[in-house]
Amino acid sequence: MTSEFNVPRRRWGKSNIMIPVIPFGTQGFGNHFGFVSDDDACKLIRRAVDIGVNHFDSARCYGDSLRKLGLAIKEGVVKRDEIIISGRVCCHIGEVDYSAEHAIADVEDQLEILGTDHFDAVFIHDPREIDPTLAKGGTLEGLLKLKSKGLTHNVGYGMNPHAFHLKAIESGDVDVMLTFNDYNLMSQTAAQDILPAAAEKDIGVLNGWSIKRGILTGIDLSSHDQNDNNVIRAIKMCEWCIKEGVSLLALALQFCLKEERIHGNPLGSLNIEQLEMNALAVSKPLPDEVFEKFAEQGF
């Protein structure tokens, strides 16, 4: 592994998988944020593994990313046993089928696209309702059947509503979960209820939107809505970081790392430059005084 990168790893709850604290959100090379060729995607995937970012959080609804990750596996760019793959059954697009049969067929098809025989974890992704997924013959039952066959080693939910998470956790069948937009420099509402509930059951937690979809990275926000409160706050945070000689990206990510009940913060890198910037941002811990001074600003 390249010496300048020292990406920490954490035990992902009861899954017992040691994951990098910044899993790779494959939407980054799914063409949603800019075109990424097959060749560039394969190079990006290989580089991620080489610097310790070997957990790929994938989804059928992440553009063309599933096929590209499968291409990297099938062509030997990466070996299946050197990567961790979490996947999704997307429940938020078009007419939703919450049946166990649909979930099973969907996951089996995704495994064929990837050219592998198992997921390390599968999330039920953004269900519009939680009860149909938990009902007899519902989505979760389908994932549990897949787990019993070894086609996924862990199951869980990727969604935002806290009430949905709490209900899913109460089922006793959840191994892992992903929440988003609820724990970052601007808001930490996940700490009020779902993080304690998950920790009590040793559920592995991924934290989406740790950098608020890029506005907490220090990029130029002049083209963003200047009346948006989050943009206003991000600009003030960035100005303070520049004055203090601190990377806003490092501050934003390491702030999330201080919450030990969060195990991974997925990031969708578009290219190798972004990937390496993210890896460097978590490789060298910032002094505690930086976080103390930042808190005093009351952003």
C-alpha atoms as a PDB file:
ATOM      1  CA  MET A   1       0.000   0.000   0.000  1.00  0.00           C
ATOM      2  CA  THR A   2       1.271   3.464  -0.850  1.00  0.00           C
ATOM      3  CA  SER A   3       2.875   4.916   2.283  1.00  0.00           C
ATOM      4  CA  GLU A   4       1.296   8.382   2.128  1.00  0.00           C
ATOM      5  CA  PHE A   5      -2.147   6.823   2.508  1.00  0.00           C
ATOM      6  CA  ASN A   6      -3.196   5.423   5.854  1.00  0.00           C
ATOM      7  CA  VAL A   7      -6.953   4.944   5.598  1.00  0.00           C
ATOM      8  CA  PRO A   8      -8.280   3.696   8.959  1.00  0.00           C
ATOM      9  CA  ARG A   9     -10.513   0.641   9.101  1.00  0.00           C
ATOM     10  CA  ARG A  10     -13.333  -0.171  11.495  1.00  0.00           C
ATOM     11  CA  ARG A  11     -15.268  -3.286  12.414  1.00  0.00           C
ATOM     12  CA  TRP A  12     -18.629  -2.960  10.658  1.00  0.00           C
ATOM     13  CA  GLY A  13     -20.751  -4.042  13.592  1.00  0.00           C
ATOM     14  CA  LYS A  14     -21.935  -7.631  13.846  1.00  0.00           C
ATOM     15  CA  SER A  15     -20.921  -8.281  10.223  1.00  0.00           C
ATOM     16  CA  ASN A  16     -17.373  -8.449  11.630  1.00  0.00           C
ATOM     17  CA  ILE A  17     -16.068  -7.077   8.321  1.00  0.00           C
ATOM     18  CA  MET A  18     -13.244  -4.577   8.673  1.00  0.00           C
ATOM     19  CA  ILE A  19     -14.139  -1.777   6.277  1.00  0.00           C
ATOM     20  CA  PRO A  20     -12.292   1.413   5.309  1.00  0.00           C
ATOM     21  CA  VAL A  21     -13.808   4.478   6.984  1.00  0.00           C
ATOM     22  CA  ILE A  22     -14.453   5.937   3.517  1.00  0.00           C
ATOM     23  CA  PRO A  23     -16.078   3.192   1.419  1.00  0.00           C
ATOM     24  CA  PHE A  24     -16.271   3.918  -2.297  1.00  0.00           C
ATOM     25  CA  GLY A  25     -19.770   4.959  -3.344  1.00  0.00           C
ATOM     26  CA  THR A  26     -19.920   3.583  -6.882  1.00  0.00           C
ATOM     27  CA  GLN A  27     -22.303   6.307  -8.025  1.00  0.00           C
ATOM     28  CA  GLY A  28     -19.048   8.234  -8.499  1.00  0.00           C
ATOM     29  CA  PHE A  29     -18.291   6.312 -11.694  1.00  0.00           C
ATOM     30  CA  GLY A  30     -21.909   5.677 -12.710  1.00  0.00           C
ATOM     31  CA  ASN A  31     -22.049   8.713 -15.049  1.00  0.00           C
ATOM     32  CA  HIS A  32     -24.411  10.633 -12.747  1.00  0.00           C
ATOM     33  CA  PHE A  33     -21.810  13.299 -11.929  1.00  0.00           C
ATOM     34  CA  GLY A  34     -19.915  13.225 -15.206  1.00  0.00           C
ATOM     35  CA  PHE A  35     -18.939  10.621 -17.784  1.00  0.00           C
ATOM     36  CA  VAL A  36     -16.433   7.978 -16.692  1.00  0.00           C
ATOM     37  CA  SER A  37     -15.229   5.529 -19.344  1.00  0.00           C
ATOM     38  CA  ASP A  38     -14.919   1.806 -18.677  1.00  0.00           C
ATOM     39  CA  ASP A  39     -11.135   2.081 -18.783  1.00  0.00           C
ATOM     40  CA  ASP A  40     -11.054   4.995 -16.356  1.00  0.00           C
ATOM     41  CA  ALA A  41     -13.521   3.254 -14.036  1.00  0.00           C
ATOM     42  CA  CYS A  42     -11.328   0.148 -13.943  1.00  0.00           C
ATOM     43  CA  LYS A  43      -8.226   2.224 -13.186  1.00  0.00           C
ATOM     44  CA  LEU A  44     -10.149   4.056 -10.461  1.00  0.00           C
ATOM     45  CA  ILE A  45     -11.339   0.800  -8.894  1.00  0.00           C
ATOM     46  CA  ARG A  46      -7.815  -0.630  -8.940  1.00  0.00           C
ATOM     47  CA  ARG A  47      -6.328   2.506  -7.423  1.00  0.00           C
ATOM     48  CA  ALA A  48      -8.951   2.516  -4.689  1.00  0.00           C
ATOM     49  CA  VAL A  49      -8.017  -1.015  -3.673  1.00  0.00           C
ATOM     50  CA  ASP A  50      -4.307  -0.186  -3.758  1.00  0.00           C
ATOM     51  CA  ILE A  51      -4.707   2.689  -1.276  1.00  0.00           C
ATOM     52  CA  GLY A  52      -6.988   0.781   1.083  1.00  0.00           C
ATOM     53  CA  VAL A  53     -10.448   1.859  -0.097  1.00  0.00           C
ATOM     54  CA  ASN A  54     -11.639  -1.645  -1.021  1.00  0.00           C
ATOM     55  CA  HIS A  55     -15.307  -1.470   0.048  1.00  0.00           C
ATOM     56  CA  PHE A  56     -17.545  -0.672  -2.923  1.00  0.00           C
ATOM     57  CA  ASP A  57     -21.078   0.416  -2.035  1.00  0.00           C
ATOM     58  CA  SER A  58     -23.095  -0.281  -5.170  1.00  0.00           C
ATOM     59  CA  ALA A  59     -26.663  -0.095  -6.453  1.00  0.00           C
ATOM     60  CA  ARG A  60     -28.550  -0.798  -9.646  1.00  0.00           C
ATOM     61  CA  CYS A  61     -29.900   2.768  -9.422  1.00  0.00           C
ATOM     62  CA  TYR A  62     -26.355   4.210  -9.451  1.00  0.00           C
ATOM     63  CA  GLY A  63     -26.238   4.708 -13.199  1.00  0.00           C
ATOM     64  CA  ASP A  64     -23.888   2.398 -15.082  1.00  0.00           C
ATOM     65  CA  SER A  65     -21.727   1.616 -12.066  1.00  0.00           C
ATOM     66  CA  LEU A  66     -22.811  -1.978 -11.440  1.00  0.00           C
ATOM     67  CA  ARG A  67     -21.732  -3.074 -14.909  1.00  0.00           C
ATOM     68  CA  LYS A  68     -18.410  -1.257 -14.574  1.00  0.00           C
ATOM     69  CA  LEU A  69     -17.636  -2.860 -11.219  1.00  0.00           C
ATOM     70  CA  GLY A  70     -18.551  -6.223 -12.741  1.00  0.00           C
ATOM     71  CA  LEU A  71     -16.242  -5.508 -15.681  1.00  0.00           C
ATOM     72  CA  ALA A  72     -13.342  -4.838 -13.299  1.00  0.00           C
ATOM     73  CA  ILE A  73     -13.979  -8.171 -11.582  1.00  0.00           C
ATOM     74  CA  LYS A  74     -14.501 -10.196 -14.760  1.00  0.00           C
ATOM     75  CA  GLU A  75     -11.387  -8.770 -16.429  1.00  0.00           C
ATOM     76  CA  GLY A  76      -9.221  -9.403 -13.371  1.00  0.00           C
ATOM     77  CA  VAL A  77      -8.571  -5.745 -12.586  1.00  0.00           C
ATOM     78  CA  VAL A  78      -9.498  -6.675  -9.033  1.00  0.00           C
ATOM     79  CA  LYS A  79     -10.042 -10.074  -7.444  1.00  0.00           C
ATOM     80  CA  ARG A  80     -13.306 -10.732  -5.647  1.00  0.00           C
ATOM     81  CA  ASP A  81     -11.529 -11.758  -2.464  1.00  0.00           C
ATOM     82  CA  GLU A  82      -9.703  -8.423  -2.189  1.00  0.00           C
ATOM     83  CA  ILE A  83     -12.855  -6.293  -2.237  1.00  0.00           C
ATOM     84  CA  ILE A  84     -16.006  -5.830  -0.149  1.00  0.00           C
ATOM     85  CA  ILE A  85     -19.279  -5.214  -2.007  1.00  0.00           C
ATOM     86  CA  SER A  86     -22.507  -3.902  -0.532  1.00  0.00           C
ATOM     87  CA  GLY A  87     -25.510  -3.715  -2.844  1.00  0.00           C
ATOM     88  CA  ARG A  88     -29.099  -2.486  -2.890  1.00  0.00           C
ATOM     89  CA  VAL A  89     -32.605  -3.507  -3.753  1.00  0.00           C
ATOM     90  CA  CYS A  90     -33.886  -0.111  -4.887  1.00  0.00           C
ATOM     91  CA  CYS A  91     -37.429   0.622  -3.654  1.00  0.00           C
ATOM     92  CA  HIS A  92     -37.944   4.207  -4.761  1.00  0.00           C
ATOM     93  CA  ILE A  93     -38.215   4.187  -8.549  1.00  0.00           C
ATOM     94  CA  GLY A  94     -41.340   3.523 -10.612  1.00  0.00           C
ATOM     95  CA  GLU A  95     -43.855   0.952  -9.422  1.00  0.00           C
ATOM     96  CA  VAL A  96     -42.328  -0.700  -6.378  1.00  0.00           C
ATOM     97  CA  ASP A  97     -42.597  -4.440  -5.790  1.00  0.00           C
ATOM     98  CA  TYR A  98     -42.029  -5.190  -2.111  1.00  0.00           C
ATOM     99  CA  SER A  99     -42.299  -8.966  -2.508  1.00  0.00           C
ATOM    100  CA  ALA A 100     -39.646 -11.408  -1.360  1.00  0.00           C
ATOM    101  CA  GLU A 101     -39.654 -12.953  -4.834  1.00  0.00           C
ATOM    102  CA  HIS A 102     -38.794  -9.634  -6.471  1.00  0.00           C
ATOM    103  CA  ALA A 103     -35.940  -9.001  -4.019  1.00  0.00           C
ATOM    104  CA  ILE A 104     -34.482 -12.446  -4.639  1.00  0.00           C
ATOM    105  CA  ALA A 105     -34.684 -12.121  -8.425  1.00  0.00           C
ATOM    106  CA  ASP A 106     -33.208  -8.615  -8.321  1.00  0.00           C
ATOM    107  CA  VAL A 107     -30.202  -9.624  -6.223  1.00  0.00           C
ATOM    108  CA  GLU A 108     -29.557 -12.755  -8.269  1.00  0.00           C
ATOM    109  CA  ASP A 109     -29.532 -10.661 -11.446  1.00  0.00           C
ATOM    110  CA  GLN A 110     -27.148  -8.135  -9.916  1.00  0.00           C
ATOM    111  CA  LEU A 111     -24.781 -10.933  -8.920  1.00  0.00           C
ATOM    112  CA  GLU A 112     -24.761 -12.097 -12.534  1.00  0.00           C
ATOM    113  CA  ILE A 113     -23.944  -8.567 -13.729  1.00  0.00           C
ATOM    114  CA  LEU A 114     -21.093  -8.410 -11.218  1.00  0.00           C
ATOM    115  CA  GLY A 115     -19.840 -11.885 -12.036  1.00  0.00           C
ATOM    116  CA  THR A 116     -19.690 -12.951  -8.407  1.00  0.00           C
ATOM    117  CA  ASP A 117     -21.532 -15.424  -6.199  1.00  0.00           C
ATOM    118  CA  HIS A 118     -22.274 -13.191  -3.216  1.00  0.00           C
ATOM    119  CA  PHE A 119     -22.657  -9.712  -1.783  1.00  0.00           C
ATOM    120  CA  ASP A 120     -21.038  -8.924   1.530  1.00  0.00           C
ATOM    121  CA  ALA A 121     -24.213  -6.997   2.391  1.00  0.00           C
ATOM    122  CA  VAL A 122     -27.444  -5.958   0.705  1.00  0.00           C
ATOM    123  CA  PHE A 123     -29.532  -2.936   1.710  1.00  0.00           C
ATOM    124  CA  ILE A 124     -33.216  -2.335   1.098  1.00  0.00           C
ATOM    125  CA  HIS A 125     -32.774   1.087  -0.485  1.00  0.00           C
ATOM    126  CA  ASP A 126     -35.093   4.049   0.143  1.00  0.00           C
ATOM    127  CA  PRO A 127     -38.414   2.231   0.608  1.00  0.00           C
ATOM    128  CA  ARG A 128     -41.375   4.605   0.375  1.00  0.00           C
ATOM    129  CA  GLU A 129     -43.030   2.622   3.151  1.00  0.00           C
ATOM    130  CA  ILE A 130     -41.373   0.476   5.796  1.00  0.00           C
ATOM    131  CA  ASP A 131     -44.211  -1.890   6.736  1.00  0.00           C
ATOM    132  CA  PRO A 132     -44.442  -3.723   3.362  1.00  0.00           C
ATOM    133  CA  THR A 133     -40.724  -4.517   3.547  1.00  0.00           C
ATOM    134  CA  LEU A 134     -41.128  -6.043   7.010  1.00  0.00           C
ATOM    135  CA  ALA A 135     -44.350  -7.909   6.288  1.00  0.00           C
ATOM    136  CA  LYS A 136     -44.500 -11.678   5.778  1.00  0.00           C
ATOM    137  CA  GLY A 137     -43.432 -12.345   2.213  1.00  0.00           C
ATOM    138  CA  GLY A 138     -41.883  -8.880   1.977  1.00  0.00           C
ATOM    139  CA  THR A 139     -38.508  -7.509   0.892  1.00  0.00           C
ATOM    140  CA  LEU A 140     -36.655  -8.300   4.115  1.00  0.00           C
ATOM    141  CA  GLU A 141     -37.844 -11.904   4.054  1.00  0.00           C
ATOM    142  CA  GLY A 142     -36.409 -12.181   0.564  1.00  0.00           C
ATOM    143  CA  LEU A 143     -33.040 -10.868   1.696  1.00  0.00           C
ATOM    144  CA  LEU A 144     -33.017 -13.250   4.643  1.00  0.00           C
ATOM    145  CA  LYS A 145     -33.616 -16.162   2.252  1.00  0.00           C
ATOM    146  CA  LEU A 146     -30.690 -14.960   0.171  1.00  0.00           C
ATOM    147  CA  LYS A 147     -28.590 -14.754   3.327  1.00  0.00           C
ATOM    148  CA  SER A 148     -29.497 -18.324   4.257  1.00  0.00           C
ATOM    149  CA  LYS A 149     -28.214 -19.432   0.832  1.00  0.00           C
ATOM    150  CA  GLY A 150     -24.975 -17.441   1.183  1.00  0.00           C
ATOM    151  CA  LEU A 151     -25.844 -15.054  -1.656  1.00  0.00           C
ATOM    152  CA  THR A 152     -25.452 -12.169   0.769  1.00  0.00           C
ATOM    153  CA  HIS A 153     -23.662 -12.378   4.086  1.00  0.00           C
ATOM    154  CA  ASN A 154     -25.503  -9.475   5.738  1.00  0.00           C
ATOM    155  CA  VAL A 155     -28.767  -7.592   5.263  1.00  0.00           C
ATOM    156  CA  GLY A 156     -30.064  -4.178   6.210  1.00  0.00           C
ATOM    157  CA  TYR A 157     -31.570  -0.881   5.124  1.00  0.00           C
ATOM    158  CA  GLY A 158     -30.263   2.241   3.392  1.00  0.00           C
ATOM    159  CA  MET A 159     -32.676   5.143   3.960  1.00  0.00           C
ATOM    160  CA  ASN A 160     -33.259   8.422   5.771  1.00  0.00           C
ATOM    161  CA  PRO A 161     -36.418   8.337   7.950  1.00  0.00           C
ATOM    162  CA  HIS A 162     -35.438   7.637  11.529  1.00  0.00           C
ATOM    163  CA  ALA A 163     -38.788   6.031  12.305  1.00  0.00           C
ATOM    164  CA  PHE A 164     -38.155   3.550   9.477  1.00  0.00           C
ATOM    165  CA  HIS A 165     -34.700   2.705  10.850  1.00  0.00           C
ATOM    166  CA  LEU A 166     -35.997   2.216  14.373  1.00  0.00           C
ATOM    167  CA  LYS A 167     -38.740  -0.114  13.168  1.00  0.00           C
ATOM    168  CA  ALA A 168     -36.266  -2.118  11.096  1.00  0.00           C
ATOM    169  CA  ILE A 169     -33.838  -2.363  14.003  1.00  0.00           C
ATOM    170  CA  GLU A 170     -36.660  -3.636  16.235  1.00  0.00           C
ATOM    171  CA  SER A 171     -37.185  -6.556  13.842  1.00  0.00           C
ATOM    172  CA  GLY A 172     -33.937  -8.076  15.100  1.00  0.00           C
ATOM    173  CA  ASP A 173     -32.970  -9.116  11.556  1.00  0.00           C
ATOM    174  CA  VAL A 174     -30.786  -6.151  10.584  1.00  0.00           C
ATOM    175  CA  ASP A 175     -27.004  -6.568  10.409  1.00  0.00           C
ATOM    176  CA  VAL A 176     -26.069  -3.282   8.741  1.00  0.00           C
ATOM    177  CA  MET A 177     -27.647   0.056   7.887  1.00  0.00           C
ATOM    178  CA  LEU A 178     -26.991   3.261   5.998  1.00  0.00           C
ATOM    179  CA  THR A 179     -28.351   6.632   7.004  1.00  0.00           C
ATOM    180  CA  PHE A 180     -27.714   9.880   5.149  1.00  0.00           C
ATOM    181  CA  ASN A 181     -27.710  13.639   5.662  1.00  0.00           C
ATOM    182  CA  ASP A 182     -28.039  13.119   9.414  1.00  0.00           C
ATOM    183  CA  TYR A 183     -24.464  13.252  10.680  1.00  0.00           C
ATOM    184  CA  ASN A 184     -22.033  15.867   9.383  1.00  0.00           C
ATOM    185  CA  LEU A 185     -20.663  19.284  10.329  1.00  0.00           C
ATOM    186  CA  MET A 186     -24.108  20.824   9.869  1.00  0.00           C
ATOM    187  CA  SER A 187     -26.410  18.331  11.555  1.00  0.00           C
ATOM    188  CA  GLN A 188     -26.020  15.372  13.889  1.00  0.00           C
ATOM    189  CA  THR A 189     -29.612  14.205  14.389  1.00  0.00           C
ATOM    190  CA  ALA A 190     -28.620  10.560  13.904  1.00  0.00           C
ATOM    191  CA  ALA A 191     -26.911  10.707  17.308  1.00  0.00           C
ATOM    192  CA  GLN A 192     -30.251  11.330  19.004  1.00  0.00           C
ATOM    193  CA  ASP A 193     -31.920   8.016  18.234  1.00  0.00           C
ATOM    194  CA  ILE A 194     -30.755   5.710  15.454  1.00  0.00           C
ATOM    195  CA  LEU A 195     -27.044   5.564  16.358  1.00  0.00           C
ATOM    196  CA  PRO A 196     -27.787   4.537  19.971  1.00  0.00           C
ATOM    197  CA  ALA A 197     -30.348   1.981  18.768  1.00  0.00           C
ATOM    198  CA  ALA A 198     -27.923   0.550  16.220  1.00  0.00           C
ATOM    199  CA  ALA A 199     -25.042   0.409  18.684  1.00  0.00           C
ATOM    200  CA  GLU A 200     -27.173  -1.461  21.217  1.00  0.00           C
ATOM    201  CA  LYS A 201     -27.737  -4.234  18.638  1.00  0.00           C
ATOM    202  CA  ASP A 202     -24.173  -4.049  17.242  1.00  0.00           C
ATOM    203  CA  ILE A 203     -25.437  -3.000  13.808  1.00  0.00           C
ATOM    204  CA  GLY A 204     -22.845  -1.799  11.315  1.00  0.00           C
ATOM    205  CA  VAL A 205     -23.490   1.807  10.254  1.00  0.00           C
ATOM    206  CA  LEU A 206     -22.648   3.667   7.057  1.00  0.00           C
ATOM    207  CA  ASN A 207     -23.102   7.443   7.092  1.00  0.00           C
ATOM    208  CA  GLY A 208     -24.003   9.003   3.756  1.00  0.00           C
ATOM    209  CA  TRP A 209     -23.586  12.692   2.907  1.00  0.00           C
ATOM    210  CA  SER A 210     -20.733  13.238   5.376  1.00  0.00           C
ATOM    211  CA  ILE A 211     -19.552  16.021   3.034  1.00  0.00           C
ATOM    212  CA  LYS A 212     -23.083  17.209   2.132  1.00  0.00           C
ATOM    213  CA  ARG A 213     -22.746  16.143  -1.488  1.00  0.00           C
ATOM    214  CA  GLY A 214     -19.521  18.072  -1.912  1.00  0.00           C
ATOM    215  CA  ILE A 215     -20.238  21.447  -0.346  1.00  0.00           C
ATOM    216  CA  LEU A 216     -18.073  20.565   2.679  1.00  0.00           C
ATOM    217  CA  THR A 217     -14.950  19.899   0.617  1.00  0.00           C
ATOM    218  CA  GLY A 218     -13.669  23.425   0.093  1.00  0.00           C
ATOM    219  CA  ILE A 219     -14.732  23.678  -3.552  1.00  0.00           C
ATOM    220  CA  ASP A 220     -15.787  27.000  -5.073  1.00  0.00           C
ATOM    221  CA  LEU A 221     -19.484  27.446  -4.257  1.00  0.00           C
ATOM    222  CA  SER A 222     -20.038  30.645  -6.256  1.00  0.00           C
ATOM    223  CA  SER A 223     -22.249  28.800  -8.747  1.00  0.00           C
ATOM    224  CA  HIS A 224     -24.473  27.430  -5.961  1.00  0.00           C
ATOM    225  CA  ASP A 225     -27.602  29.110  -4.611  1.00  0.00           C
ATOM    226  CA  GLN A 226     -26.216  31.886  -2.415  1.00  0.00           C
ATOM    227  CA  ASN A 227     -29.505  32.084  -0.507  1.00  0.00           C
ATOM    228  CA  ASP A 228     -29.360  28.451   0.546  1.00  0.00           C
ATOM    229  CA  ASN A 229     -28.603  28.303   4.271  1.00  0.00           C
ATOM    230  CA  ASN A 230     -26.368  25.251   3.897  1.00  0.00           C
ATOM    231  CA  VAL A 231     -24.336  26.976   1.190  1.00  0.00           C
ATOM    232  CA  ILE A 232     -24.012  30.095   3.367  1.00  0.00           C
ATOM    233  CA  ARG A 233     -22.782  27.986   6.272  1.00  0.00           C
ATOM    234  CA  ALA A 234     -20.397  25.989   4.093  1.00  0.00           C
ATOM    235  CA  ILE A 235     -18.832  29.176   2.719  1.00  0.00           C
ATOM    236  CA  LYS A 236     -18.275  30.499   6.246  1.00  0.00           C
ATOM    237  CA  MET A 237     -16.735  27.175   7.301  1.00  0.00           C
ATOM    238  CA  CYS A 238     -14.458  27.209   4.280  1.00  0.00           C
ATOM    239  CA  GLU A 239     -13.324  30.786   4.960  1.00  0.00           C
ATOM    240  CA  TRP A 240     -12.506  29.863   8.560  1.00  0.00           C
ATOM    241  CA  CYS A 241     -10.559  26.786   7.450  1.00  0.00           C
ATOM    242  CA  ILE A 242      -8.528  28.835   4.974  1.00  0.00           C
ATOM    243  CA  LYS A 243      -7.702  31.343   7.709  1.00  0.00           C
ATOM    244  CA  GLU A 244      -6.654  28.532  10.058  1.00  0.00           C
ATOM    245  CA  GLY A 245      -4.735  26.603   7.410  1.00  0.00           C
ATOM    246  CA  VAL A 246      -6.982  23.569   7.770  1.00  0.00           C
ATOM    247  CA  SER A 247      -8.521  21.402   5.070  1.00  0.00           C
ATOM    248  CA  LEU A 248     -12.319  21.616   5.211  1.00  0.00           C
ATOM    249  CA  LEU A 249     -12.508  18.160   3.632  1.00  0.00           C
ATOM    250  CA  ALA A 250     -10.304  16.684   6.364  1.00  0.00           C
ATOM    251  CA  LEU A 251     -12.270  18.514   9.048  1.00  0.00           C
ATOM    252  CA  ALA A 252     -15.622  17.310   7.689  1.00  0.00           C
ATOM    253  CA  LEU A 253     -14.584  13.682   7.375  1.00  0.00           C
ATOM    254  CA  GLN A 254     -12.640  13.468  10.619  1.00  0.00           C
ATOM    255  CA  PHE A 255     -15.534  15.093  12.486  1.00  0.00           C
ATOM    256  CA  CYS A 256     -17.616  12.089  11.430  1.00  0.00           C
ATOM    257  CA  LEU A 257     -14.819   9.698  12.409  1.00  0.00           C
ATOM    258  CA  LYS A 258     -14.964  11.005  15.960  1.00  0.00           C
ATOM    259  CA  GLU A 259     -18.375   9.324  16.221  1.00  0.00           C
ATOM    260  CA  GLU A 260     -17.309   5.728  16.856  1.00  0.00           C
ATOM    261  CA  ARG A 261     -20.830   4.361  16.313  1.00  0.00           C
ATOM    262  CA  ILE A 262     -20.371   5.264  12.645  1.00  0.00           C
ATOM    263  CA  HIS A 263     -18.123   2.792  10.837  1.00  0.00           C
ATOM    264  CA  GLY A 264     -17.972   4.072   7.269  1.00  0.00           C
ATOM    265  CA  ASN A 265     -18.655   7.278   5.340  1.00  0.00           C
ATOM    266  CA  PRO A 266     -19.216   6.395   1.658  1.00  0.00           C
ATOM    267  CA  LEU A 267     -17.814   8.860  -0.886  1.00  0.00           C
ATOM    268  CA  GLY A 268     -18.451   8.807  -4.630  1.00  0.00           C
ATOM    269  CA  SER A 269     -15.139   9.759  -6.202  1.00  0.00           C
ATOM    270  CA  LEU A 270     -15.365  10.708  -9.891  1.00  0.00           C
ATOM    271  CA  ASN A 271     -11.661  10.265 -10.620  1.00  0.00           C
ATOM    272  CA  ILE A 272      -8.367   9.241  -9.051  1.00  0.00           C
ATOM    273  CA  GLU A 273      -7.599  12.805  -7.944  1.00  0.00           C
ATOM    274  CA  GLN A 274     -10.796  12.985  -5.880  1.00  0.00           C
ATOM    275  CA  LEU A 275     -10.207   9.489  -4.507  1.00  0.00           C
ATOM    276  CA  GLU A 276      -6.705  10.325  -3.324  1.00  0.00           C
ATOM    277  CA  MET A 277      -7.814  13.643  -1.806  1.00  0.00           C
ATOM    278  CA  ASN A 278     -10.454  11.795   0.212  1.00  0.00           C
ATOM    279  CA  ALA A 279      -7.961   9.150   1.328  1.00  0.00           C
ATOM    280  CA  LEU A 280      -5.389  11.747   2.360  1.00  0.00           C
ATOM    281  CA  ALA A 281      -8.075  13.652   4.291  1.00  0.00           C
ATOM    282  CA  VAL A 282      -8.494  10.729   6.708  1.00  0.00           C
ATOM    283  CA  SER A 283      -4.883   9.530   6.731  1.00  0.00           C
ATOM    284  CA  LYS A 284      -3.456  12.126   9.144  1.00  0.00           C
ATOM    285  CA  PRO A 285      -5.535  12.967  12.241  1.00  0.00           C
ATOM    286  CA  LEU A 286      -6.135  16.650  12.925  1.00  0.00           C
ATOM    287  CA  PRO A 287      -5.319  17.920  16.450  1.00  0.00           C
ATOM    288  CA  ASP A 288      -8.232  17.998  18.916  1.00  0.00           C
ATOM    289  CA  GLU A 289      -7.720  21.755  19.273  1.00  0.00           C
ATOM    290  CA  VAL A 290      -8.858  22.255  15.669  1.00  0.00           C
ATOM    291  CA  PHE A 291     -12.247  20.723  16.423  1.00  0.00           C
ATOM    292  CA  GLU A 292     -12.507  22.681  19.669  1.00  0.00           C
ATOM    293  CA  LYS A 293     -11.784  25.986  17.884  1.00  0.00           C
ATOM    294  CA  PHE A 294     -14.208  25.077  15.105  1.00  0.00           C
ATOM    295  CA  ALA A 295     -16.989  24.329  17.618  1.00  0.00           C
ATOM    296  CA  GLU A 296     -16.453  27.713  19.232  1.00  0.00           C
ATOM    297  CA  GLN A 297     -17.332  29.456  15.954  1.00  0.00           C
ATOM    298  CA  GLY A 298     -20.970  28.369  16.187  1.00  0.00           C
ATOM    299  CA  PHE A 299     -21.398  27.780  12.468  1.00  0.00           C
END
